[in-house]
């Protein structure tokens, strides 16, 4: 099933029957991706009068509770409210859901004791392309690592402040990464990339988002896609999300 979308003065054709899901789900049956020093997510049946509300236990429905943190356990999309005193809601500030995106693959550079994503790397990948969103796939890109990694105390790769400034100045509104954070795991609370991308020293970019914990299969080629950034309607700084890519046919 194909659809034609008018983007500015350009007509973009996609096959809506061939979505490319780049989200990571919560699945307690497997080792779940995890970061920020907290326990794994849980899904468990509600109990009434000592009885579990499960069809297998004689109930007429399954009635599960879910305990998780979006920043630690699942693909999530966050807005500037993640780092401001006032907790702005991503559900209120993300008002459009389709964007022209560029998928790029980056091998983080080793600097000092860290692996980082530099401005030069993104400049080389993006050049003069005009996009709403950038989807960053880092190398190595092993599926089991990206979907089950225990990131706490591992000092994962991150974006340099200059990189976030470059993206902001280039007009990128939506940044998607396959990392637990765009910032260094332990940086004394500076959050340089978050602050730079959302421009907290100037006019806040209320409609800009950062999506973390994605997974982009190696089968997905670098290049231009239509992105559908779907979020769960939580009034919170961050919410679970399901970003979907569509290959552009023409």
C-alpha atoms as a PDB file:
ATOM      1  CA  UNK A   1       0.000   0.000   0.000  1.00  0.00           C
ATOM      2  CA  UNK A   2       1.654   3.173  -1.187  1.00  0.00           C
ATOM      3  CA  UNK A   3       1.067   6.764  -0.132  1.00  0.00           C
ATOM      4  CA  UNK A   4       2.198  10.065  -1.570  1.00  0.00           C
ATOM      5  CA  UNK A   5       3.030  12.855   0.857  1.00  0.00           C
ATOM      6  CA  UNK A   6       3.598  16.469  -0.110  1.00  0.00           C
ATOM      7  CA  UNK A   7       6.597  17.823   1.758  1.00  0.00           C
ATOM      8  CA  UNK A   8       7.059  21.527   1.073  1.00  0.00           C
ATOM      9  CA  UNK A   9       6.982  21.552  -2.739  1.00  0.00           C
ATOM     10  CA  UNK A  10       8.167  17.958  -3.047  1.00  0.00           C
ATOM     11  CA  UNK A  11       6.052  14.823  -3.390  1.00  0.00           C
ATOM     12  CA  UNK A  12       7.362  11.833  -1.446  1.00  0.00           C
ATOM     13  CA  UNK A  13       6.123   8.301  -2.060  1.00  0.00           C
ATOM     14  CA  UNK A  14       6.354   5.579   0.617  1.00  0.00           C
ATOM     15  CA  UNK A  15       5.069   2.058   1.054  1.00  0.00           C
ATOM     16  CA  UNK A  16       3.131   2.186   4.325  1.00  0.00           C
ATOM     17  CA  UNK A  17       2.953  -1.623   4.392  1.00  0.00           C
ATOM     18  CA  UNK A  18       6.730  -1.780   4.920  1.00  0.00           C
ATOM     19  CA  UNK A  19       7.474   0.069   8.189  1.00  0.00           C
ATOM     20  CA  UNK A  20      10.954  -0.123   9.712  1.00  0.00           C
ATOM     21  CA  UNK A  21      10.568  -0.231  13.476  1.00  0.00           C
ATOM     22  CA  UNK A  22      13.644   1.192  15.260  1.00  0.00           C
ATOM     23  CA  UNK A  23      12.284   0.969  18.799  1.00  0.00           C
ATOM     24  CA  UNK A  24      13.339  -1.317  21.649  1.00  0.00           C
ATOM     25  CA  UNK A  25      10.504  -2.875  23.625  1.00  0.00           C
ATOM     26  CA  UNK A  26      10.228  -3.835  27.270  1.00  0.00           C
ATOM     27  CA  UNK A  27      10.306  -7.624  27.444  1.00  0.00           C
ATOM     28  CA  UNK A  28      10.783  -9.101  30.958  1.00  0.00           C
ATOM     29  CA  UNK A  29      11.068 -12.572  29.407  1.00  0.00           C
ATOM     30  CA  UNK A  30      14.494 -11.570  28.105  1.00  0.00           C
ATOM     31  CA  UNK A  31      17.362  -9.535  29.480  1.00  0.00           C
ATOM     32  CA  UNK A  32      16.062  -6.008  29.059  1.00  0.00           C
ATOM     33  CA  UNK A  33      18.171  -3.024  28.058  1.00  0.00           C
ATOM     34  CA  UNK A  34      18.969  -1.046  31.210  1.00  0.00           C
ATOM     35  CA  UNK A  35      20.747   2.123  32.320  1.00  0.00           C
ATOM     36  CA  UNK A  36      21.017   4.568  35.211  1.00  0.00           C
ATOM     37  CA  UNK A  37      21.551   2.150  38.080  1.00  0.00           C
ATOM     38  CA  UNK A  38      18.010   0.951  38.696  1.00  0.00           C
ATOM     39  CA  UNK A  39      16.381  -2.475  38.626  1.00  0.00           C
ATOM     40  CA  UNK A  40      14.818  -4.056  35.559  1.00  0.00           C
ATOM     41  CA  UNK A  41      11.241  -3.283  34.486  1.00  0.00           C
ATOM     42  CA  UNK A  42       8.473  -5.626  35.593  1.00  0.00           C
ATOM     43  CA  UNK A  43       5.088  -6.663  34.232  1.00  0.00           C
ATOM     44  CA  UNK A  44       2.921  -8.424  36.789  1.00  0.00           C
ATOM     45  CA  UNK A  45      -0.792  -9.156  37.342  1.00  0.00           C
ATOM     46  CA  UNK A  46      -2.874  -7.078  39.689  1.00  0.00           C
ATOM     47  CA  UNK A  47      -4.202  -9.006  42.676  1.00  0.00           C
ATOM     48  CA  UNK A  48      -7.593  -8.683  44.375  1.00  0.00           C
ATOM     49  CA  UNK A  49      -8.320 -10.576  47.584  1.00  0.00           C
ATOM     50  CA  UNK A  50      -5.148 -12.601  47.075  1.00  0.00           C
ATOM     51  CA  UNK A  51      -6.097 -13.729  43.565  1.00  0.00           C
ATOM     52  CA  UNK A  52      -4.117 -12.846  40.443  1.00  0.00           C
ATOM     53  CA  UNK A  53      -6.181 -11.314  37.666  1.00  0.00           C
ATOM     54  CA  UNK A  54      -5.061 -13.678  34.913  1.00  0.00           C
ATOM     55  CA  UNK A  55      -7.148 -15.778  32.557  1.00  0.00           C
ATOM     56  CA  UNK A  56      -4.824 -18.686  33.292  1.00  0.00           C
ATOM     57  CA  UNK A  57      -5.722 -18.303  36.974  1.00  0.00           C
ATOM     58  CA  UNK A  58      -9.466 -18.305  36.355  1.00  0.00           C
ATOM     59  CA  UNK A  59     -10.113 -14.601  35.766  1.00  0.00           C
ATOM     60  CA  UNK A  60     -12.019 -13.396  32.719  1.00  0.00           C
ATOM     61  CA  UNK A  61      -9.279 -10.943  31.682  1.00  0.00           C
ATOM     62  CA  UNK A  62      -5.549 -10.386  31.976  1.00  0.00           C
ATOM     63  CA  UNK A  63      -4.961  -7.243  34.043  1.00  0.00           C
ATOM     64  CA  UNK A  64      -1.264  -6.400  34.301  1.00  0.00           C
ATOM     65  CA  UNK A  65       0.639  -3.617  36.002  1.00  0.00           C
ATOM     66  CA  UNK A  66       3.834  -2.329  34.370  1.00  0.00           C
ATOM     67  CA  UNK A  67       6.663  -0.790  36.399  1.00  0.00           C
ATOM     68  CA  UNK A  68       9.399   0.928  34.403  1.00  0.00           C
ATOM     69  CA  UNK A  69      11.346   4.128  33.860  1.00  0.00           C
ATOM     70  CA  UNK A  70      11.329   5.452  30.285  1.00  0.00           C
ATOM     71  CA  UNK A  71      14.891   6.790  30.575  1.00  0.00           C
ATOM     72  CA  UNK A  72      16.244   3.444  31.735  1.00  0.00           C
ATOM     73  CA  UNK A  73      14.249   0.672  30.098  1.00  0.00           C
ATOM     74  CA  UNK A  74      12.809   1.489  26.697  1.00  0.00           C
ATOM     75  CA  UNK A  75      13.029   3.615  23.582  1.00  0.00           C
ATOM     76  CA  UNK A  76      11.854   7.020  24.749  1.00  0.00           C
ATOM     77  CA  UNK A  77      11.417  10.545  23.458  1.00  0.00           C
ATOM     78  CA  UNK A  78      12.119  13.530  25.691  1.00  0.00           C
ATOM     79  CA  UNK A  79      11.719  17.282  25.474  1.00  0.00           C
ATOM     80  CA  UNK A  80      13.507  20.171  27.179  1.00  0.00           C
ATOM     81  CA  UNK A  81      11.470  19.468  30.317  1.00  0.00           C
ATOM     82  CA  UNK A  82      13.953  16.690  31.009  1.00  0.00           C
ATOM     83  CA  UNK A  83      16.524  19.238  32.187  1.00  0.00           C
ATOM     84  CA  UNK A  84      14.523  22.329  33.202  1.00  0.00           C
ATOM     85  CA  UNK A  85      13.159  23.231  36.619  1.00  0.00           C
ATOM     86  CA  UNK A  86       9.672  23.335  35.176  1.00  0.00           C
ATOM     87  CA  UNK A  87       8.770  19.859  33.953  1.00  0.00           C
ATOM     88  CA  UNK A  88       7.505  20.559  30.438  1.00  0.00           C
ATOM     89  CA  UNK A  89       5.534  17.719  28.872  1.00  0.00           C
ATOM     90  CA  UNK A  90       6.749  16.071  25.708  1.00  0.00           C
ATOM     91  CA  UNK A  91       3.124  15.114  25.047  1.00  0.00           C
ATOM     92  CA  UNK A  92       2.197  18.810  24.905  1.00  0.00           C
ATOM     93  CA  UNK A  93       5.209  20.018  22.939  1.00  0.00           C
ATOM     94  CA  UNK A  94       5.530  17.366  20.237  1.00  0.00           C
ATOM     95  CA  UNK A  95       2.607  18.304  17.991  1.00  0.00           C
ATOM     96  CA  UNK A  96       3.691  16.866  14.634  1.00  0.00           C
ATOM     97  CA  UNK A  97       4.747  13.285  13.999  1.00  0.00           C
ATOM     98  CA  UNK A  98       6.074  12.950  10.441  1.00  0.00           C
ATOM     99  CA  UNK A  99       9.532  14.248   9.556  1.00  0.00           C
ATOM    100  CA  UNK A 100      12.140  13.992   6.838  1.00  0.00           C
ATOM    101  CA  UNK A 101      15.033  12.108   8.443  1.00  0.00           C
ATOM    102  CA  UNK A 102      18.564  11.101   7.557  1.00  0.00           C
ATOM    103  CA  UNK A 103      19.976   7.823   8.870  1.00  0.00           C
ATOM    104  CA  UNK A 104      23.723   7.982   9.382  1.00  0.00           C
ATOM    105  CA  UNK A 105      26.231   5.473  10.717  1.00  0.00           C
ATOM    106  CA  UNK A 106      29.039   6.708  12.939  1.00  0.00           C
ATOM    107  CA  UNK A 107      32.022   4.968  14.531  1.00  0.00           C
ATOM    108  CA  UNK A 108      32.632   6.984  17.713  1.00  0.00           C
ATOM    109  CA  UNK A 109      36.141   8.440  18.000  1.00  0.00           C
ATOM    110  CA  UNK A 110      38.398   7.564  20.912  1.00  0.00           C
ATOM    111  CA  UNK A 111      39.411  10.654  22.893  1.00  0.00           C
ATOM    112  CA  UNK A 112      41.106  10.329  26.244  1.00  0.00           C
ATOM    113  CA  UNK A 113      39.098   7.701  28.104  1.00  0.00           C
ATOM    114  CA  UNK A 114      35.917   8.205  26.075  1.00  0.00           C
ATOM    115  CA  UNK A 115      34.350   7.353  22.745  1.00  0.00           C
ATOM    116  CA  UNK A 116      32.649  10.438  21.292  1.00  0.00           C
ATOM    117  CA  UNK A 117      30.653  11.588  18.279  1.00  0.00           C
ATOM    118  CA  UNK A 118      32.229  14.726  16.880  1.00  0.00           C
ATOM    119  CA  UNK A 119      30.932  17.652  14.875  1.00  0.00           C
ATOM    120  CA  UNK A 120      33.218  16.754  11.980  1.00  0.00           C
ATOM    121  CA  UNK A 121      31.735  13.261  11.749  1.00  0.00           C
ATOM    122  CA  UNK A 122      28.206  14.592  11.411  1.00  0.00           C
ATOM    123  CA  UNK A 123      29.236  17.353   9.030  1.00  0.00           C
ATOM    124  CA  UNK A 124      30.788  14.719   6.783  1.00  0.00           C
ATOM    125  CA  UNK A 125      27.642  12.585   6.905  1.00  0.00           C
ATOM    126  CA  UNK A 126      25.056  15.352   6.519  1.00  0.00           C
ATOM    127  CA  UNK A 127      26.898  17.898   4.367  1.00  0.00           C
ATOM    128  CA  UNK A 128      24.332  20.345   2.941  1.00  0.00           C
ATOM    129  CA  UNK A 129      21.301  18.073   3.363  1.00  0.00           C
ATOM    130  CA  UNK A 130      18.243  19.712   4.878  1.00  0.00           C
ATOM    131  CA  UNK A 131      16.462  17.393   7.284  1.00  0.00           C
ATOM    132  CA  UNK A 132      14.038  17.646  10.196  1.00  0.00           C
ATOM    133  CA  UNK A 133      15.553  14.683  12.017  1.00  0.00           C
ATOM    134  CA  UNK A 134      18.800  12.744  12.278  1.00  0.00           C
ATOM    135  CA  UNK A 135      18.945   9.067  13.220  1.00  0.00           C
ATOM    136  CA  UNK A 136      22.403   8.071  14.484  1.00  0.00           C
ATOM    137  CA  UNK A 137      23.474   4.419  14.367  1.00  0.00           C
ATOM    138  CA  UNK A 138      26.761   3.797  16.164  1.00  0.00           C
ATOM    139  CA  UNK A 139      29.321   1.084  15.478  1.00  0.00           C
ATOM    140  CA  UNK A 140      29.660  -1.668  16.475  1.00  0.00           C
ATOM    141  CA  UNK A 141      25.986  -2.458  15.957  1.00  0.00           C
ATOM    142  CA  UNK A 142      25.317  -5.920  17.330  1.00  0.00           C
ATOM    143  CA  UNK A 143      21.608  -6.524  17.879  1.00  0.00           C
ATOM    144  CA  UNK A 144      22.007  -8.416  21.151  1.00  0.00           C
ATOM    145  CA  UNK A 145      24.201  -5.646  22.577  1.00  0.00           C
ATOM    146  CA  UNK A 146      21.915  -2.793  21.607  1.00  0.00           C
ATOM    147  CA  UNK A 147      18.748  -4.531  22.832  1.00  0.00           C
ATOM    148  CA  UNK A 148      20.068  -6.149  26.010  1.00  0.00           C
ATOM    149  CA  UNK A 149      23.039  -4.039  27.102  1.00  0.00           C
ATOM    150  CA  UNK A 150      23.478  -3.183  30.779  1.00  0.00           C
ATOM    151  CA  UNK A 151      24.822   0.343  30.402  1.00  0.00           C
ATOM    152  CA  UNK A 152      25.287   1.392  34.023  1.00  0.00           C
ATOM    153  CA  UNK A 153      28.939   2.189  34.824  1.00  0.00           C
ATOM    154  CA  UNK A 154      30.139   1.379  31.277  1.00  0.00           C
ATOM    155  CA  UNK A 155      30.842   4.959  30.065  1.00  0.00           C
ATOM    156  CA  UNK A 156      29.032   4.598  26.700  1.00  0.00           C
ATOM    157  CA  UNK A 157      29.794   6.839  23.710  1.00  0.00           C
ATOM    158  CA  UNK A 158      28.182  10.283  23.672  1.00  0.00           C
ATOM    159  CA  UNK A 159      27.909  13.487  21.629  1.00  0.00           C
ATOM    160  CA  UNK A 160      30.312  16.345  22.154  1.00  0.00           C
ATOM    161  CA  UNK A 161      28.797  19.725  22.940  1.00  0.00           C
ATOM    162  CA  UNK A 162      30.044  21.041  19.586  1.00  0.00           C
ATOM    163  CA  UNK A 163      28.106  18.274  17.848  1.00  0.00           C
ATOM    164  CA  UNK A 164      24.835  19.225  19.518  1.00  0.00           C
ATOM    165  CA  UNK A 165      25.420  22.893  18.692  1.00  0.00           C
ATOM    166  CA  UNK A 166      26.037  21.970  15.058  1.00  0.00           C
ATOM    167  CA  UNK A 167      22.755  20.024  14.896  1.00  0.00           C
ATOM    168  CA  UNK A 168      20.856  22.881  16.520  1.00  0.00           C
ATOM    169  CA  UNK A 169      22.317  25.467  14.159  1.00  0.00           C
ATOM    170  CA  UNK A 170      21.607  23.218  11.190  1.00  0.00           C
ATOM    171  CA  UNK A 171      17.941  23.252  12.164  1.00  0.00           C
ATOM    172  CA  UNK A 172      17.642  19.618  13.242  1.00  0.00           C
ATOM    173  CA  UNK A 173      14.549  19.388  15.455  1.00  0.00           C
ATOM    174  CA  UNK A 174      14.599  15.687  16.281  1.00  0.00           C
ATOM    175  CA  UNK A 175      17.691  13.740  17.284  1.00  0.00           C
ATOM    176  CA  UNK A 176      17.520   9.950  17.594  1.00  0.00           C
ATOM    177  CA  UNK A 177      20.417   7.878  18.973  1.00  0.00           C
ATOM    178  CA  UNK A 178      21.016   4.228  19.824  1.00  0.00           C
ATOM    179  CA  UNK A 179      22.659   5.194  23.121  1.00  0.00           C
ATOM    180  CA  UNK A 180      21.285   5.616  26.659  1.00  0.00           C
ATOM    181  CA  UNK A 181      22.080   9.333  26.503  1.00  0.00           C
ATOM    182  CA  UNK A 182      23.491  11.995  24.216  1.00  0.00           C
ATOM    183  CA  UNK A 183      25.721  12.992  27.146  1.00  0.00           C
ATOM    184  CA  UNK A 184      28.562  11.359  29.043  1.00  0.00           C
ATOM    185  CA  UNK A 185      27.333   8.960  31.717  1.00  0.00           C
ATOM    186  CA  UNK A 186      29.106  10.766  34.532  1.00  0.00           C
ATOM    187  CA  UNK A 187      29.710  14.441  33.745  1.00  0.00           C
ATOM    188  CA  UNK A 188      29.037  16.143  37.099  1.00  0.00           C
ATOM    189  CA  UNK A 189      25.586  17.164  35.902  1.00  0.00           C
ATOM    190  CA  UNK A 190      26.783  19.369  33.040  1.00  0.00           C
ATOM    191  CA  UNK A 191      24.631  17.678  30.356  1.00  0.00           C
ATOM    192  CA  UNK A 192      26.426  19.688  27.698  1.00  0.00           C
ATOM    193  CA  UNK A 193      24.809  18.071  24.656  1.00  0.00           C
ATOM    194  CA  UNK A 194      21.285  18.199  26.100  1.00  0.00           C
ATOM    195  CA  UNK A 195      21.680  21.863  27.017  1.00  0.00           C
ATOM    196  CA  UNK A 196      23.216  22.783  23.677  1.00  0.00           C
ATOM    197  CA  UNK A 197      20.615  20.967  21.588  1.00  0.00           C
ATOM    198  CA  UNK A 198      17.690  22.540  23.467  1.00  0.00           C
ATOM    199  CA  UNK A 199      19.457  25.924  23.693  1.00  0.00           C
ATOM    200  CA  UNK A 200      18.886  26.388  27.430  1.00  0.00           C
ATOM    201  CA  UNK A 201      21.127  29.471  27.462  1.00  0.00           C
ATOM    202  CA  UNK A 202      18.847  31.214  24.954  1.00  0.00           C
ATOM    203  CA  UNK A 203      15.352  30.696  23.559  1.00  0.00           C
ATOM    204  CA  UNK A 204      14.262  27.191  24.523  1.00  0.00           C
ATOM    205  CA  UNK A 205      13.553  24.828  21.653  1.00  0.00           C
ATOM    206  CA  UNK A 206      10.256  23.597  23.040  1.00  0.00           C
ATOM    207  CA  UNK A 207       9.350  21.574  19.952  1.00  0.00           C
ATOM    208  CA  UNK A 208      12.723  19.826  19.656  1.00  0.00           C
ATOM    209  CA  UNK A 209      13.100  16.264  20.918  1.00  0.00           C
ATOM    210  CA  UNK A 210      15.771  13.730  21.725  1.00  0.00           C
ATOM    211  CA  UNK A 211      14.993  10.032  21.347  1.00  0.00           C
ATOM    212  CA  UNK A 212      17.334   7.553  23.023  1.00  0.00           C
ATOM    213  CA  UNK A 213      17.656   3.753  23.076  1.00  0.00           C
ATOM    214  CA  UNK A 214      16.745   3.109  19.445  1.00  0.00           C
ATOM    215  CA  UNK A 215      18.088   0.177  17.448  1.00  0.00           C
ATOM    216  CA  UNK A 216      18.670   0.472  13.693  1.00  0.00           C
ATOM    217  CA  UNK A 217      19.324  -2.873  12.039  1.00  0.00           C
ATOM    218  CA  UNK A 218      22.370  -3.238   9.812  1.00  0.00           C
ATOM    219  CA  UNK A 219      19.922  -4.062   7.022  1.00  0.00           C
ATOM    220  CA  UNK A 220      18.784  -0.439   7.009  1.00  0.00           C
ATOM    221  CA  UNK A 221      20.922   1.609   4.632  1.00  0.00           C
ATOM    222  CA  UNK A 222      22.140   5.098   5.406  1.00  0.00           C
ATOM    223  CA  UNK A 223      20.126   7.761   3.672  1.00  0.00           C
ATOM    224  CA  UNK A 224      16.834   9.620   3.535  1.00  0.00           C
ATOM    225  CA  UNK A 225      13.640   8.280   5.139  1.00  0.00           C
ATOM    226  CA  UNK A 226      10.275   9.492   6.281  1.00  0.00           C
ATOM    227  CA  UNK A 227      10.112   9.246  10.075  1.00  0.00           C
ATOM    228  CA  UNK A 228       6.902   8.697  12.011  1.00  0.00           C
ATOM    229  CA  UNK A 229       7.746   9.562  15.619  1.00  0.00           C
ATOM    230  CA  UNK A 230       4.967   8.000  17.666  1.00  0.00           C
ATOM    231  CA  UNK A 231       4.816   8.586  21.410  1.00  0.00           C
ATOM    232  CA  UNK A 232       2.681   7.334  24.290  1.00  0.00           C
ATOM    233  CA  UNK A 233       0.467  10.111  25.753  1.00  0.00           C
ATOM    234  CA  UNK A 234       2.165  10.629  29.119  1.00  0.00           C
ATOM    235  CA  UNK A 235       2.230  14.165  30.534  1.00  0.00           C
ATOM    236  CA  UNK A 236       5.895  13.899  31.457  1.00  0.00           C
ATOM    237  CA  UNK A 237       9.297  15.133  30.320  1.00  0.00           C
ATOM    238  CA  UNK A 238       9.798  11.802  28.540  1.00  0.00           C
ATOM    239  CA  UNK A 239       7.571   9.025  27.288  1.00  0.00           C
ATOM    240  CA  UNK A 240       7.982   5.621  25.640  1.00  0.00           C
ATOM    241  CA  UNK A 241       8.053   5.988  21.884  1.00  0.00           C
ATOM    242  CA  UNK A 242       7.957   3.944  18.706  1.00  0.00           C
ATOM    243  CA  UNK A 243       9.855   5.645  15.895  1.00  0.00           C
ATOM    244  CA  UNK A 244       9.104   4.140  12.491  1.00  0.00           C
ATOM    245  CA  UNK A 245      11.071   4.739   9.286  1.00  0.00           C
ATOM    246  CA  UNK A 246       9.678   4.484   5.782  1.00  0.00           C
ATOM    247  CA  UNK A 247      11.932   4.141   2.769  1.00  0.00           C
ATOM    248  CA  UNK A 248      11.354   6.932   0.257  1.00  0.00           C
ATOM    249  CA  UNK A 249      10.515   5.414  -3.118  1.00  0.00           C
ATOM    250  CA  UNK A 250      10.482   8.590  -5.186  1.00  0.00           C
END
